[in-house]
Amino acid sequence: MKKDLGYTQEKMSLLLDISLRQYIRIDKEICLPRTDILEKLIKILKLSDKEIGQYVHQIIQKRVS
């Protein structure tokens, strides 16, 4: 999930209060974040409903293919 706000992966992991490794997995769309992390991402990145839906859809598609 990316929106170019100039944040590094390290900065995002700190803002989300998760490990860098966990954030990288979320950033590479390897796994869906927990609900509480997703809620933080939505606020930090100011995601629209459409963007959230696209993100979740992309991850699900990767898992089934």
N, C-alpha and C. Protein backbone atom coordinates (compact mmCIF):
# COMPACT_ATOMS: atom_id res chain seq x y z
N MET A 1 0.87 -1.16 0.00
CA MET A 1 0.00 0.00 0.00
C MET A 1 0.91 1.21 0.00
N LYS A 2 0.81 1.98 -1.07
CA LYS A 2 1.72 3.11 -1.17
C LYS A 2 0.98 4.38 -1.56
N LYS A 3 1.34 5.41 -0.90
CA LYS A 3 0.99 6.77 -1.29
C LYS A 3 2.27 7.52 -1.02
N ASP A 4 2.71 8.28 -1.97
CA ASP A 4 4.01 8.93 -1.82
C ASP A 4 3.91 10.16 -0.93
N LEU A 5 4.12 9.95 0.35
CA LEU A 5 4.15 11.04 1.31
C LEU A 5 5.58 11.31 1.77
N GLY A 6 6.51 10.60 1.17
CA GLY A 6 7.92 10.81 1.52
C GLY A 6 8.37 10.03 2.74
N TYR A 7 7.53 9.14 3.24
CA TYR A 7 7.89 8.34 4.40
C TYR A 7 8.73 7.14 3.97
N THR A 8 9.76 6.85 4.73
CA THR A 8 10.52 5.63 4.50
C THR A 8 9.77 4.46 5.13
N GLN A 9 10.18 3.26 4.78
CA GLN A 9 9.58 2.08 5.41
C GLN A 9 9.85 2.11 6.92
N GLU A 10 11.01 2.57 7.31
CA GLU A 10 11.35 2.65 8.73
C GLU A 10 10.40 3.62 9.45
N LYS A 11 10.16 4.78 8.84
CA LYS A 11 9.26 5.77 9.44
C LYS A 11 7.85 5.21 9.55
N MET A 12 7.37 4.53 8.51
CA MET A 12 6.03 3.96 8.56
C MET A 12 5.92 2.91 9.65
N SER A 13 6.95 2.08 9.79
CA SER A 13 6.89 1.05 10.84
C SER A 13 6.83 1.70 12.22
N LEU A 14 7.54 2.81 12.40
CA LEU A 14 7.48 3.53 13.67
C LEU A 14 6.11 4.15 13.90
N LEU A 15 5.54 4.77 12.87
CA LEU A 15 4.22 5.38 12.99
C LEU A 15 3.15 4.34 13.31
N LEU A 16 3.33 3.14 12.77
CA LEU A 16 2.35 2.07 12.98
C LEU A 16 2.64 1.25 14.23
N ASP A 17 3.81 1.49 14.84
CA ASP A 17 4.24 0.76 16.03
C ASP A 17 4.33 -0.74 15.77
N ILE A 18 4.96 -1.07 14.62
CA ILE A 18 5.20 -2.47 14.26
C ILE A 18 6.65 -2.61 13.82
N SER A 19 7.09 -3.83 13.69
CA SER A 19 8.47 -4.06 13.26
C SER A 19 8.64 -3.66 11.78
N LEU A 20 9.87 -3.34 11.43
CA LEU A 20 10.16 -3.02 10.03
C LEU A 20 9.83 -4.21 9.14
N ARG A 21 10.18 -5.40 9.59
CA ARG A 21 9.88 -6.60 8.81
C ARG A 21 8.39 -6.75 8.54
N GLN A 22 7.59 -6.51 9.58
CA GLN A 22 6.14 -6.62 9.41
C GLN A 22 5.65 -5.57 8.43
N TYR A 23 6.17 -4.35 8.52
CA TYR A 23 5.72 -3.31 7.59
C TYR A 23 6.11 -3.65 6.15
N ILE A 24 7.30 -4.17 5.94
CA ILE A 24 7.73 -4.53 4.60
C ILE A 24 6.79 -5.56 3.99
N ARG A 25 6.35 -6.54 4.80
CA ARG A 25 5.40 -7.55 4.31
C ARG A 25 4.08 -6.90 3.91
N ILE A 26 3.64 -5.91 4.66
CA ILE A 26 2.41 -5.19 4.34
C ILE A 26 2.63 -4.35 3.09
N ASP A 27 3.76 -3.65 3.03
CA ASP A 27 4.07 -2.77 1.91
C ASP A 27 4.20 -3.53 0.60
N LYS A 28 4.75 -4.72 0.65
CA LYS A 28 4.90 -5.55 -0.55
C LYS A 28 3.63 -6.33 -0.86
N GLU A 29 2.59 -6.09 -0.07
CA GLU A 29 1.29 -6.74 -0.23
C GLU A 29 1.39 -8.26 -0.15
N ILE A 30 2.24 -8.72 0.75
CA ILE A 30 2.39 -10.15 1.00
C ILE A 30 1.29 -10.63 1.94
N CYS A 31 0.89 -9.74 2.85
CA CYS A 31 -0.15 -10.12 3.80
C CYS A 31 -1.04 -8.92 4.11
N LEU A 32 -2.25 -9.21 4.53
CA LEU A 32 -3.15 -8.15 5.00
C LEU A 32 -2.74 -7.76 6.41
N PRO A 33 -2.75 -6.48 6.71
CA PRO A 33 -2.45 -6.08 8.09
C PRO A 33 -3.63 -6.40 9.00
N ARG A 34 -3.32 -6.52 10.28
CA ARG A 34 -4.40 -6.67 11.27
C ARG A 34 -5.30 -5.43 11.17
N THR A 35 -6.51 -5.57 11.67
CA THR A 35 -7.49 -4.49 11.60
C THR A 35 -6.97 -3.21 12.24
N ASP A 36 -6.34 -3.32 13.40
CA ASP A 36 -5.85 -2.10 14.06
C ASP A 36 -4.75 -1.42 13.25
N ILE A 37 -3.90 -2.19 12.60
CA ILE A 37 -2.85 -1.63 11.76
C ILE A 37 -3.46 -1.02 10.50
N LEU A 38 -4.44 -1.69 9.92
CA LEU A 38 -5.11 -1.16 8.74
C LEU A 38 -5.78 0.19 9.05
N GLU A 39 -6.40 0.28 10.22
CA GLU A 39 -7.03 1.54 10.62
C GLU A 39 -6.00 2.66 10.74
N LYS A 40 -4.83 2.34 11.28
CA LYS A 40 -3.75 3.34 11.37
C LYS A 40 -3.26 3.74 9.98
N LEU A 41 -3.11 2.77 9.10
CA LEU A 41 -2.67 3.05 7.73
C LEU A 41 -3.66 3.98 7.03
N ILE A 42 -4.93 3.72 7.20
CA ILE A 42 -5.97 4.54 6.58
C ILE A 42 -5.84 5.99 7.03
N LYS A 43 -5.60 6.18 8.32
CA LYS A 43 -5.47 7.54 8.85
C LYS A 43 -4.18 8.21 8.38
N ILE A 44 -3.07 7.49 8.46
CA ILE A 44 -1.77 8.06 8.08
C ILE A 44 -1.75 8.43 6.59
N LEU A 45 -2.24 7.50 5.75
CA LEU A 45 -2.19 7.71 4.31
C LEU A 45 -3.42 8.42 3.75
N LYS A 46 -4.41 8.66 4.62
CA LYS A 46 -5.65 9.32 4.21
C LYS A 46 -6.26 8.62 2.99
N LEU A 47 -6.49 7.32 3.16
CA LEU A 47 -6.99 6.50 2.07
C LEU A 47 -8.49 6.64 1.89
N SER A 48 -8.91 6.63 0.64
CA SER A 48 -10.34 6.66 0.34
C SER A 48 -10.89 5.23 0.42
N ASP A 49 -12.19 5.11 0.46
CA ASP A 49 -12.82 3.78 0.47
C ASP A 49 -12.40 2.99 -0.76
N LYS A 50 -12.34 3.66 -1.91
CA LYS A 50 -11.95 3.00 -3.15
C LYS A 50 -10.53 2.45 -3.05
N GLU A 51 -9.60 3.24 -2.51
CA GLU A 51 -8.22 2.81 -2.37
C GLU A 51 -8.10 1.62 -1.42
N ILE A 52 -8.87 1.64 -0.35
CA ILE A 52 -8.85 0.54 0.61
C ILE A 52 -9.35 -0.73 -0.07
N GLY A 53 -10.44 -0.62 -0.81
CA GLY A 53 -10.99 -1.77 -1.53
C GLY A 53 -10.01 -2.34 -2.54
N GLN A 54 -9.34 -1.47 -3.27
CA GLN A 54 -8.36 -1.92 -4.26
C GLN A 54 -7.20 -2.64 -3.59
N TYR A 55 -6.74 -2.11 -2.48
CA TYR A 55 -5.64 -2.71 -1.74
C TYR A 55 -6.00 -4.12 -1.27
N VAL A 56 -7.15 -4.25 -0.64
CA VAL A 56 -7.59 -5.55 -0.14
C VAL A 56 -7.78 -6.53 -1.31
N HIS A 57 -8.38 -6.05 -2.39
CA HIS A 57 -8.60 -6.89 -3.57
C HIS A 57 -7.27 -7.40 -4.14
N GLN A 58 -6.26 -6.54 -4.23
CA GLN A 58 -4.95 -6.93 -4.76
C GLN A 58 -4.33 -8.05 -3.92
N ILE A 59 -4.43 -7.92 -2.63
CA ILE A 59 -3.84 -8.94 -1.75
C ILE A 59 -4.58 -10.26 -1.89
N ILE A 60 -5.90 -10.21 -1.93
CA ILE A 60 -6.69 -11.43 -2.08
C ILE A 60 -6.35 -12.10 -3.41
N GLN A 61 -6.24 -11.31 -4.48
CA GLN A 61 -5.90 -11.87 -5.79
C GLN A 61 -4.53 -12.58 -5.74
N LYS A 62 -3.58 -11.98 -5.06
CA LYS A 62 -2.24 -12.61 -4.94
C LYS A 62 -2.31 -13.93 -4.19
N ARG A 63 -3.18 -13.99 -3.20
CA ARG A 63 -3.28 -15.20 -2.38
C ARG A 63 -3.93 -16.36 -3.12
N VAL A 64 -4.86 -16.06 -4.02
CA VAL A 64 -5.57 -17.13 -4.73
C VAL A 64 -4.88 -17.54 -6.02
N SER A 65 -3.92 -16.73 -6.48
CA SER A 65 -3.23 -17.11 -7.73
C SER A 65 -1.91 -17.78 -7.47
